[in-house]
Amino acid sequence: MQESYTDDTEIVLGYGAFHKKKGMLNKLVRWETFHTALQYFSYALAGKPYMGVGRNLSYKKTIFYRHKGFSAHNNILSGDDDLFINMAATKKNTKINIDKDAFTLSEPVKNWGQWIKQKTRHYSTGKHYKAAHKFLLGLYSISHFLFYPLLAASLLFYHWQLALIVFGIRFLLQAIILYPSMKKLDEKDLYPMFLFFDIWMFFYYFIFAFAVFKKPRQTWK
């Protein structure tokens, strides 16, 4: 991770992967992790860094002290590292590192209840992002959520040939973009199922939509 630093670099975003294990839950957890990483890496490369994962994140103590650490988020029980990056990262001071030697590997959750609790906590933190980031991420999520319902409606009530062309173009672009991305992040075993995972995202957004509006708990149990 330290190899990514230059004189101007204060933050380095890495990939926090999960161990590969049997079962559909493991695949869904790793797909969601990859999908999230694809977004925050892409935004950082585009000059709009907005988050990092605490499992693999590096920053200089000077920027930590300059922003008074996590004091701006003392009222939030989780996501302090995530929100610190959202506050402190800029186009000039942030880089990504996708070298496989820099990956971290963590134990994934073992049941659906743990995963739902984990993701609910993550999305309740996301509401504290900067307004521009919330708008762009929300726009992406809404378009992703609506794609398949609108595709079905177009097939039934509009020109099905045109609907299939749009679907085919999107599918082809996904196939071209996802394979090298999954290869770089060592998740290419998920590639044969990417269409299934893409459809699954409709249900994923539906399940976790309430977390965006849920008021986070203020005290530890």
Foldseek 3Di string as FASTA:
>chain_A
DVVPDDPQAFKEAEQAAADDDDDPVSLLVRVVSLVVCVVQQVCLQVWHHAFHDPNAMGGDVVLCVVVPHLVVPLQQDDCSRGRSCLPRPTNRHYYYDLAPVRYHYDHDDDDPVVVLVVVLSVLLVVLPHDPVVCVVVVVVLVCLLCLVVVLVCCCVPNPVVVSVVVVVVVVVVCLVPVQVSCVSNVNNVCSVVVVVSSVVSNVVCVSNVVSNVDNHDRDDD
